[in-house]
Each structure stands twice: as structure tokens, then as C-alpha cells.
Amino acid sequence: MILGRWNSLSIESQKLVQSYVEKCLFCEQKKMTGIHLYQSLICTDCEHEMLNTKTNDIKYKFYVQKLKNAHYAQQRRQA
């Protein structure tokens, strides 16, 4: 369904949409919607999954490490 909509857009519109597509900090897929933490996008799917992850789940450590990396990267940019 999305592809059909994409093909109906003009070239100029496609370029504009592509400029808003970013790679998610967690899943590394290109997404258009989510929240920004520093200069990183967390897509809505990953945001939902992260918020519903228990602290004893192995994914919890993955999320914490990725968030730390984003924080450290931001600190380096500000230095």
C-alpha cells in the first residue's frame, strides 16, 4: 500500500520525503516517524518495544547500551 502511494508521488515530492527518512538507532531500518534523542531517531516500533521491555530481559541491556552510545556521541559533538 505504501509503495503504491510512493509511486504516485512526483519526483520532487519523493526527494522531499526521502530527506525526512532516517535510520533508527535500534533497528537500523529507515523510518519516517519516531522520537529524536539528541541527533538519533528511535522509530515508533522500537520506542514501543523498548518501553515494554522488562529490566530482566536481554534486550534491556541492548537498549541501555545503544542509549549510552547516543549520549556519548552527543557529548563528543559538543566538545
C-alpha atoms as a PDB file:
ATOM      1  CA  MET A   1       0.000   0.000   0.000  1.00  0.00           C
ATOM      2  CA  ILE A   2       2.764   2.442   0.886  1.00  0.00           C
ATOM      3  CA  LEU A   3       4.659   1.577  -2.299  1.00  0.00           C
ATOM      4  CA  GLY A   4       1.587   2.446  -4.362  1.00  0.00           C
ATOM      5  CA  ARG A   5       1.430   5.826  -2.678  1.00  0.00           C
ATOM      6  CA  TRP A   6       5.166   6.285  -3.208  1.00  0.00           C
ATOM      7  CA  ASN A   7       4.882   5.667  -6.948  1.00  0.00           C
ATOM      8  CA  SER A   8       2.096   8.226  -7.233  1.00  0.00           C
ATOM      9  CA  LEU A   9       4.308  10.993  -5.793  1.00  0.00           C
ATOM     10  CA  SER A  10       6.154  13.366  -8.069  1.00  0.00           C
ATOM     11  CA  ILE A  11       9.957  13.180  -8.189  1.00  0.00           C
ATOM     12  CA  GLU A  12      10.166  16.406  -6.171  1.00  0.00           C
ATOM     13  CA  SER A  13       7.832  15.005  -3.516  1.00  0.00           C
ATOM     14  CA  GLN A  14       9.817  11.755  -3.338  1.00  0.00           C
ATOM     15  CA  LYS A  15      13.028  13.733  -2.757  1.00  0.00           C
ATOM     16  CA  LEU A  16      11.338  15.727  -0.002  1.00  0.00           C
ATOM     17  CA  VAL A  17      10.066  12.569   1.701  1.00  0.00           C
ATOM     18  CA  GLN A  18      13.494  10.929   1.441  1.00  0.00           C
ATOM     19  CA  SER A  19      15.023  13.882   3.271  1.00  0.00           C
ATOM     20  CA  TYR A  20      12.852  13.018   6.286  1.00  0.00           C
ATOM     21  CA  VAL A  21      13.725   9.318   6.291  1.00  0.00           C
ATOM     22  CA  GLU A  22      16.278   8.433   8.961  1.00  0.00           C
ATOM     23  CA  LYS A  23      17.874   5.260  10.232  1.00  0.00           C
ATOM     24  CA  CYS A  24      16.528   4.105  13.604  1.00  0.00           C
ATOM     25  CA  LEU A  25      19.087   3.938  16.412  1.00  0.00           C
ATOM     26  CA  PHE A  26      17.903   0.455  17.416  1.00  0.00           C
ATOM     27  CA  CYS A  27      16.599  -1.486  14.404  1.00  0.00           C
ATOM     28  CA  GLU A  28      18.694   0.480  11.876  1.00  0.00           C
ATOM     29  CA  GLN A  29      15.812   0.488   9.397  1.00  0.00           C
ATOM     30  CA  LYS A  30      14.913   3.654   7.541  1.00  0.00           C
ATOM     31  CA  LYS A  31      11.836   5.185   9.155  1.00  0.00           C
ATOM     32  CA  MET A  32       9.960   8.466   8.975  1.00  0.00           C
ATOM     33  CA  THR A  33       8.283   8.558  12.369  1.00  0.00           C
ATOM     34  CA  GLY A  34       9.531   8.298  15.899  1.00  0.00           C
ATOM     35  CA  ILE A  35      11.197  10.360  18.577  1.00  0.00           C
ATOM     36  CA  HIS A  36      14.571  12.060  18.481  1.00  0.00           C
ATOM     37  CA  LEU A  37      17.129  11.610  21.201  1.00  0.00           C
ATOM     38  CA  TYR A  38      19.976  14.022  20.603  1.00  0.00           C
ATOM     39  CA  GLN A  39      20.522  13.532  16.862  1.00  0.00           C
ATOM     40  CA  SER A  40      19.271   9.935  16.711  1.00  0.00           C
ATOM     41  CA  LEU A  41      15.850   8.665  15.687  1.00  0.00           C
ATOM     42  CA  ILE A  42      14.077   5.966  17.674  1.00  0.00           C
ATOM     43  CA  CYS A  43      11.256   4.689  15.466  1.00  0.00           C
ATOM     44  CA  THR A  44       7.797   4.268  16.969  1.00  0.00           C
ATOM     45  CA  ASP A  45       8.027   0.461  16.773  1.00  0.00           C
ATOM     46  CA  CYS A  46      11.299   0.374  18.718  1.00  0.00           C
ATOM     47  CA  GLU A  47      10.093   3.035  21.144  1.00  0.00           C
ATOM     48  CA  HIS A  48       7.059   0.898  21.962  1.00  0.00           C
ATOM     49  CA  GLU A  49       9.158  -2.251  22.289  1.00  0.00           C
ATOM     50  CA  MET A  50      11.738  -0.502  24.477  1.00  0.00           C
ATOM     51  CA  LEU A  51       9.100   0.935  26.802  1.00  0.00           C
ATOM     52  CA  ASN A  52       7.553  -2.513  27.250  1.00  0.00           C
ATOM     53  CA  THR A  53      10.844  -4.327  27.887  1.00  0.00           C
ATOM     54  CA  LYS A  54      11.372  -5.649  31.399  1.00  0.00           C
ATOM     55  CA  THR A  55      14.694  -4.940  33.091  1.00  0.00           C
ATOM     56  CA  ASN A  56      15.476  -8.659  33.296  1.00  0.00           C
ATOM     57  CA  ASP A  57      15.021  -9.092  29.515  1.00  0.00           C
ATOM     58  CA  ILE A  58      18.241  -9.452  27.488  1.00  0.00           C
ATOM     59  CA  LYS A  59      17.004  -6.710  25.128  1.00  0.00           C
ATOM     60  CA  TYR A  60      17.091  -4.261  28.041  1.00  0.00           C
ATOM     61  CA  LYS A  61      20.910  -4.258  28.063  1.00  0.00           C
ATOM     62  CA  PHE A  62      20.927  -3.741  24.292  1.00  0.00           C
ATOM     63  CA  TYR A  63      18.700  -0.660  24.621  1.00  0.00           C
ATOM     64  CA  VAL A  64      20.739   0.755  27.504  1.00  0.00           C
ATOM     65  CA  GLN A  65      23.992   0.351  25.570  1.00  0.00           C
ATOM     66  CA  LYS A  66      22.573   1.999  22.442  1.00  0.00           C
ATOM     67  CA  LEU A  67      21.257   4.915  24.527  1.00  0.00           C
ATOM     68  CA  LYS A  68      24.650   5.325  26.209  1.00  0.00           C
ATOM     69  CA  ASN A  69      26.349   5.350  22.815  1.00  0.00           C
ATOM     70  CA  ALA A  70      23.973   8.074  21.601  1.00  0.00           C
ATOM     71  CA  HIS A  71      24.687  10.102  24.747  1.00  0.00           C
ATOM     72  CA  TYR A  72      28.470   9.750  24.389  1.00  0.00           C
ATOM     73  CA  ALA A  73      28.296  10.655  20.695  1.00  0.00           C
ATOM     74  CA  GLN A  74      26.377  13.801  21.598  1.00  0.00           C
ATOM     75  CA  GLN A  75      28.969  14.727  24.224  1.00  0.00           C
ATOM     76  CA  ARG A  76      31.761  14.311  21.661  1.00  0.00           C
ATOM     77  CA  ARG A  77      29.905  16.561  19.205  1.00  0.00           C
ATOM     78  CA  GLN A  78      29.588  19.262  21.855  1.00  0.00           C
ATOM     79  CA  ALA A  79      33.275  19.104  22.834  1.00  0.00           C
END
